[in-house]
Amino acid sequence: MSSVKSCCHAESAKSRPFPRAAAALGLVALGVGISLHLHANHVSHWWLPLVLLVVAHGAIISALVWIIARHRRGSSGVSTHSAACCEGHDHGEHSKVIRTPRAYDWLVRTLTLGGERKFRQRTLDLAELQPGEKVLDVGCGTGTLLIEAAKRVGPCGSAQGVEPSSEMVAHARRKAETQGVAASFAEGSADHLPFPDASVDVVFCTMVLHHLPAPMQAAAIAEMRRVLRPRGRMVIVDLQRPKTVSAALSLVTLFHQVSSNATAPDWQAVESLLKQQGVEPVGRRAMWGGAVGAIIGRRSA
């Protein structure tokens, strides 16, 4: 992808926190070690430490997902919205808008086993953001991705997000202010973006399409293409049909299948929609062990 000259310099990479998944694997490894030691000393039921640790991890993670999902479904702050787009929506002509941003953030951390930051960074890498570029995140949620994008484009660029939930927008604004990041957030829906034609260099749409009926998917892609500048890039990240056992058993896959009844979008149909709108797909990527897929497109001149 072409680079863009700017008066800004990209922010230096920050040290990555110790992943929680590594801590979990460390405890499982400890259980393996204890079990092997007991086996070597001919202790009956030597396998119990390993089994107990594995089962305990699974039970804790499953309980967290169940509690958050139950809270989300039963919360009085969830309302229907006919043209909104963000994670947690029901299918059909109407969608549900999340009104509990803190619960949503906890859910994402749980499903990604503490790897949300790495997932967001990989998503941003797909667009090859340059300092000074203008970025739009459609269905920005609590703003995590957009805030990281704003750091990459720097003060000479701009980062804008659109999200139907006023509570999520307010939370995203507070999050950006706390981190000292210049990012703007507006209420709106994917099929009616409140931005002028050809006004942004890069458009992100992550984990949104699978909650939209086909007509809204087409309208959303048309809107994203409308606001995209010639030769601008579009990055769509969403569920994909698992092709491996690890992808099928991923918490991301299991949660969407069990709790939200979401299904992976038809990626061939998405590609066709992009081409019809004058956006040429230039790359496909598998993410999160194959549970999630990404498509990168470029608008023709």
Protein backbone atom coordinates (compact mmCIF):
# COMPACT_ATOMS: atom_id res chain seq x y z
CA MET A 1 0.00 0.00 0.00
CA SER A 2 1.21 3.51 -0.74
CA SER A 3 2.65 5.65 2.00
CA VAL A 4 1.55 9.20 2.86
CA LYS A 5 3.96 12.01 3.68
CA SER A 6 3.32 13.86 6.92
CA CYS A 7 4.88 16.35 9.31
CA CYS A 8 4.34 13.91 12.11
CA HIS A 9 6.32 10.95 13.32
CA ALA A 10 4.68 7.71 14.35
CA GLU A 11 4.53 7.10 18.06
CA SER A 12 7.16 4.72 19.29
CA ALA A 13 5.95 1.27 20.22
CA LYS A 14 5.17 0.76 23.87
CA SER A 15 6.16 -2.25 25.88
CA ARG A 16 3.55 -4.96 25.79
CA PRO A 17 2.01 -6.16 29.03
CA PHE A 18 2.56 -9.74 30.12
CA PRO A 19 -0.30 -11.68 28.50
CA ARG A 20 -2.80 -13.28 30.83
CA ALA A 21 -3.03 -16.26 28.53
CA ALA A 22 0.65 -16.96 29.24
CA ALA A 23 -0.07 -16.97 32.97
CA ALA A 24 -2.91 -19.44 32.43
CA LEU A 25 -0.68 -21.70 30.36
CA GLY A 26 1.98 -21.43 33.06
CA LEU A 27 -0.44 -22.73 35.67
CA VAL A 28 -1.44 -25.61 33.40
CA ALA A 29 2.26 -26.40 32.90
CA LEU A 30 2.63 -26.41 36.69
CA GLY A 31 -0.16 -28.95 36.89
CA VAL A 32 1.63 -31.08 34.30
CA GLY A 33 4.82 -30.92 36.33
CA ILE A 34 3.10 -31.89 39.56
CA SER A 35 1.30 -34.76 37.85
CA LEU A 36 4.53 -36.08 36.31
CA HIS A 37 6.27 -35.87 39.68
CA LEU A 38 3.47 -37.81 41.36
CA HIS A 39 3.51 -40.37 38.53
CA ALA A 40 7.25 -40.84 38.91
CA ASN A 41 6.73 -41.57 42.60
CA HIS A 42 3.95 -44.05 41.83
CA VAL A 43 1.28 -41.98 43.55
CA SER A 44 -2.25 -43.11 42.75
CA HIS A 45 -4.47 -40.55 41.01
CA TRP A 46 -1.33 -38.71 39.83
CA TRP A 47 -3.33 -37.07 37.06
CA LEU A 48 -5.64 -35.12 39.38
CA PRO A 49 -3.58 -31.86 39.59
CA LEU A 50 -3.51 -31.48 35.81
CA VAL A 51 -7.18 -32.29 35.35
CA LEU A 52 -8.26 -29.99 38.17
CA LEU A 53 -6.29 -27.03 36.83
CA VAL A 54 -7.57 -27.46 33.27
CA VAL A 55 -11.17 -27.89 34.42
CA ALA A 56 -10.90 -24.94 36.80
CA HIS A 57 -9.62 -22.64 34.02
CA GLY A 58 -12.42 -23.74 31.72
CA ALA A 59 -15.05 -23.29 34.42
CA ILE A 60 -13.85 -19.82 35.37
CA ILE A 61 -13.75 -18.58 31.77
CA SER A 62 -17.12 -20.12 30.94
CA ALA A 63 -18.69 -18.63 34.06
CA LEU A 64 -17.40 -15.16 33.23
CA VAL A 65 -18.74 -15.35 29.68
CA TRP A 66 -22.11 -16.63 30.92
CA ILE A 67 -22.45 -13.94 33.61
CA ILE A 68 -21.57 -11.10 31.24
CA ALA A 69 -23.84 -12.45 28.51
CA ARG A 70 -26.72 -12.85 30.99
CA HIS A 71 -26.17 -9.36 32.31
CA ARG A 72 -26.14 -7.97 28.79
CA ARG A 73 -29.36 -9.73 27.78
CA GLY A 74 -31.19 -8.85 30.96
CA SER A 75 -29.99 -5.28 31.30
CA SER A 76 -32.71 -2.67 31.13
CA GLY A 77 -30.27 -0.48 29.26
CA VAL A 78 -30.53 -2.53 26.05
CA SER A 79 -32.89 -1.20 23.42
CA THR A 80 -33.82 -1.98 19.84
CA HIS A 81 -32.39 0.02 16.97
CA SER A 82 -33.38 -0.39 13.37
CA ALA A 83 -30.20 0.78 11.67
CA ALA A 84 -27.44 0.45 14.21
CA CYS A 85 -24.34 -1.69 14.07
CA CYS A 86 -22.14 -2.92 16.87
CA GLU A 87 -21.36 -6.18 18.62
CA GLY A 88 -24.13 -7.93 20.50
CA HIS A 89 -27.01 -7.32 18.11
CA ASP A 90 -29.77 -9.73 17.33
CA HIS A 91 -30.48 -10.66 13.75
CA GLY A 92 -33.44 -9.55 11.72
CA GLU A 93 -34.72 -6.18 10.60
CA HIS A 94 -33.97 -4.63 13.97
CA SER A 95 -30.81 -4.64 16.03
CA LYS A 96 -30.05 -4.20 19.69
CA VAL A 97 -27.72 -1.47 20.86
CA ILE A 98 -25.40 -2.13 23.80
CA ARG A 99 -25.88 0.35 26.63
CA THR A 100 -23.35 -1.16 29.06
CA PRO A 101 -19.84 -0.20 27.92
CA ARG A 102 -17.99 -1.47 30.99
CA ALA A 103 -19.61 -4.90 30.71
CA TYR A 104 -18.75 -4.93 27.02
CA ASP A 105 -15.07 -4.17 27.71
CA TRP A 106 -14.94 -6.96 30.28
CA LEU A 107 -16.53 -9.35 27.81
CA VAL A 108 -13.94 -8.57 25.14
CA ARG A 109 -11.09 -9.07 27.61
CA THR A 110 -12.56 -12.40 28.63
CA LEU A 111 -13.13 -13.70 25.11
CA THR A 112 -9.63 -12.71 24.02
CA LEU A 113 -8.00 -14.04 27.22
CA GLY A 114 -6.34 -10.68 27.75
CA GLY A 115 -5.13 -10.46 24.16
CA GLU A 116 -7.38 -7.64 22.99
CA ARG A 117 -4.53 -5.16 22.52
CA LYS A 118 -2.61 -7.57 20.30
CA PHE A 119 -5.76 -8.21 18.25
CA ARG A 120 -6.36 -4.48 17.81
CA GLN A 121 -2.75 -3.85 16.82
CA ARG A 122 -2.90 -6.60 14.20
CA THR A 123 -6.07 -5.05 12.81
CA LEU A 124 -4.38 -1.66 12.51
CA ASP A 125 -1.35 -3.26 10.86
CA LEU A 126 -3.56 -4.46 8.00
CA ALA A 127 -4.27 -0.86 6.97
CA GLU A 128 -0.64 0.24 7.10
CA LEU A 129 -1.64 3.53 8.69
CA GLN A 130 0.59 6.51 8.03
CA PRO A 131 1.06 9.68 10.09
CA GLY A 132 -1.30 12.42 8.95
CA GLU A 133 -4.04 10.14 7.61
CA LYS A 134 -7.73 10.47 8.43
CA VAL A 135 -9.29 7.35 9.94
CA LEU A 136 -12.92 6.35 10.49
CA ASP A 137 -14.04 3.42 12.66
CA VAL A 138 -17.60 2.28 11.91
CA GLY A 139 -19.24 0.69 14.95
CA CYS A 140 -16.40 1.86 17.17
CA GLY A 141 -17.89 0.58 20.45
CA THR A 142 -15.91 1.89 23.41
CA GLY A 143 -13.21 3.31 21.15
CA THR A 144 -10.32 0.93 21.86
CA LEU A 145 -9.33 0.45 18.21
CA LEU A 146 -9.81 4.09 17.26
CA ILE A 147 -7.70 5.36 20.16
CA GLU A 148 -4.81 3.16 19.03
CA ALA A 149 -5.34 4.36 15.45
CA ALA A 150 -5.18 7.99 16.62
CA LYS A 151 -1.79 7.30 18.19
CA ARG A 152 -0.50 6.00 14.87
CA VAL A 153 -1.72 8.85 12.65
CA GLY A 154 -0.49 11.42 15.15
CA PRO A 155 -1.59 15.02 15.74
CA CYS A 156 -1.44 15.86 12.02
CA GLY A 157 -4.02 13.12 11.30
CA SER A 158 -7.53 12.60 12.60
CA ALA A 159 -9.47 9.70 14.10
CA GLN A 160 -13.26 9.61 14.03
CA GLY A 161 -15.66 6.95 15.23
CA VAL A 162 -19.37 6.38 14.74
CA GLU A 163 -21.49 4.33 17.14
CA PRO A 164 -25.28 4.17 17.71
CA SER A 165 -25.14 3.90 21.50
CA SER A 166 -24.88 7.20 23.37
CA GLU A 167 -23.54 5.35 26.42
CA MET A 168 -20.77 3.73 24.39
CA VAL A 169 -19.90 7.07 22.77
CA ALA A 170 -19.69 8.80 26.15
CA HIS A 171 -17.49 6.02 27.52
CA ALA A 172 -15.23 6.16 24.45
CA ARG A 173 -14.80 9.91 24.87
CA ARG A 174 -13.83 9.50 28.52
CA LYS A 175 -11.40 6.74 27.61
CA ALA A 176 -9.73 8.93 24.96
CA GLU A 177 -9.51 11.90 27.34
CA THR A 178 -7.99 9.73 30.05
CA GLN A 179 -5.25 8.60 27.66
CA GLY A 180 -4.73 12.09 26.29
CA VAL A 181 -5.64 11.04 22.76
CA ALA A 182 -7.35 13.31 20.24
CA ALA A 183 -10.17 11.19 18.85
CA SER A 184 -13.76 12.22 18.11
CA PHE A 185 -16.87 10.08 18.46
CA ALA A 186 -20.33 10.64 16.99
CA GLU A 187 -23.67 8.87 17.28
CA GLY A 188 -24.83 7.31 14.04
CA SER A 189 -25.38 4.07 12.15
CA ALA A 190 -23.36 2.22 9.55
CA ASP A 191 -25.91 2.67 6.79
CA HIS A 192 -26.17 6.46 7.32
CA LEU A 193 -22.68 7.71 8.13
CA PRO A 194 -22.64 11.38 9.22
CA PHE A 195 -19.54 12.24 7.16
CA PRO A 196 -19.02 13.93 3.77
CA ASP A 197 -18.04 12.13 0.58
CA ALA A 198 -14.39 11.18 0.04
CA SER A 199 -13.33 12.54 3.45
CA VAL A 200 -11.22 9.74 4.99
CA ASP A 201 -8.16 7.71 4.01
CA VAL A 202 -8.95 4.52 5.93
CA VAL A 203 -12.21 2.95 7.12
CA PHE A 204 -12.34 0.17 9.71
CA CYS A 205 -15.38 -2.03 10.35
CA THR A 206 -14.62 -4.69 12.95
CA MET A 207 -17.00 -7.35 14.26
CA VAL A 208 -20.04 -5.52 12.91
CA LEU A 209 -21.33 -7.06 9.68
CA HIS A 210 -22.33 -10.39 11.22
CA HIS A 211 -25.02 -8.60 13.21
CA LEU A 212 -26.56 -6.89 10.20
CA PRO A 213 -29.14 -8.33 7.78
CA ALA A 214 -28.02 -8.51 4.15
CA PRO A 215 -29.67 -5.22 3.02
CA MET A 216 -27.97 -3.33 5.84
CA GLN A 217 -24.62 -4.94 5.01
CA ALA A 218 -24.91 -3.67 1.45
CA ALA A 219 -25.94 -0.21 2.64
CA ALA A 220 -23.09 -0.08 5.16
CA ILE A 221 -20.48 -1.04 2.56
CA ALA A 222 -21.90 1.56 0.16
CA GLU A 223 -21.64 4.22 2.87
CA MET A 224 -18.09 3.25 3.77
CA ARG A 225 -17.11 3.45 0.13
CA ARG A 226 -18.82 6.86 -0.18
CA VAL A 227 -16.75 8.47 2.59
CA LEU A 228 -13.53 6.83 1.40
CA ARG A 229 -11.13 8.86 -0.71
CA PRO A 230 -9.88 7.51 -4.07
CA ARG A 231 -7.13 4.93 -3.38
CA GLY A 232 -8.24 4.85 0.24
CA ARG A 233 -8.28 1.58 2.19
CA MET A 234 -11.11 -0.32 3.83
CA VAL A 235 -10.50 -3.02 6.45
CA ILE A 236 -13.37 -5.32 7.42
CA VAL A 237 -12.79 -7.78 10.27
CA ASP A 238 -15.43 -10.28 11.28
CA LEU A 239 -16.27 -13.85 12.17
CA GLN A 240 -15.53 -16.55 9.65
CA ARG A 241 -16.57 -20.18 9.44
CA PRO A 242 -14.08 -22.22 11.52
CA LYS A 243 -11.88 -24.53 9.46
CA THR A 244 -9.89 -26.03 12.34
CA VAL A 245 -10.74 -27.54 15.72
CA SER A 246 -8.94 -24.74 17.56
CA ALA A 247 -10.97 -22.12 15.70
CA ALA A 248 -14.24 -23.97 16.37
CA LEU A 249 -13.42 -24.18 20.09
CA SER A 250 -12.26 -20.58 20.34
CA LEU A 251 -14.11 -18.55 22.98
CA VAL A 252 -14.87 -15.95 20.29
CA THR A 253 -16.58 -18.59 18.14
CA LEU A 254 -18.38 -20.35 21.00
CA PHE A 255 -19.71 -17.13 22.52
CA HIS A 256 -21.17 -15.84 19.26
CA GLN A 257 -22.72 -19.20 18.45
CA VAL A 258 -24.22 -19.83 21.89
CA SER A 259 -24.89 -16.43 23.44
CA SER A 260 -25.58 -14.07 20.55
CA ASN A 261 -26.74 -16.56 17.90
CA ALA A 262 -24.49 -14.74 15.43
CA THR A 263 -23.23 -16.41 12.29
CA ALA A 264 -20.23 -15.57 10.14
CA PRO A 265 -21.00 -13.27 7.21
CA ASP A 266 -20.87 -14.60 3.67
CA TRP A 267 -17.38 -13.47 2.72
CA GLN A 268 -17.93 -14.15 -0.98
CA ALA A 269 -20.98 -11.90 -0.86
CA VAL A 270 -18.95 -9.24 0.97
CA GLU A 271 -16.26 -9.37 -1.73
CA SER A 272 -18.92 -9.05 -4.43
CA LEU A 273 -20.42 -6.04 -2.66
CA LEU A 274 -17.02 -4.41 -2.43
CA LYS A 275 -16.34 -4.90 -6.14
CA GLN A 276 -19.78 -3.56 -7.03
CA GLN A 277 -18.98 -0.43 -5.04
CA GLY A 278 -15.62 0.07 -6.73
CA VAL A 279 -13.52 -1.27 -3.87
CA GLU A 280 -11.03 -3.88 -5.04
CA PRO A 281 -10.15 -6.58 -2.45
CA VAL A 282 -6.35 -6.67 -2.20
CA GLY A 283 -5.86 -9.09 0.70
CA ARG A 284 -7.41 -11.66 3.00
CA ARG A 285 -6.12 -12.62 6.45
CA ALA A 286 -7.06 -15.19 9.06
CA MET A 287 -6.95 -13.86 12.62
CA TRP A 288 -7.43 -15.21 16.13
CA GLY A 289 -6.50 -18.75 15.20
CA GLY A 290 -8.86 -18.75 12.23
CA ALA A 291 -11.97 -17.78 14.22
CA VAL A 292 -11.91 -14.31 12.69
CA GLY A 293 -11.15 -13.19 9.15
CA ALA A 294 -10.18 -9.88 7.59
CA ILE A 295 -10.45 -8.42 4.11
CA ILE A 296 -8.53 -5.39 2.92
CA GLY A 297 -9.90 -3.36 0.03
CA ARG A 298 -8.80 -0.28 -1.89
CA ARG A 299 -11.15 2.18 -3.55
CA SER A 300 -10.44 2.75 -7.21
CA ALA A 301 -9.47 6.23 -8.32
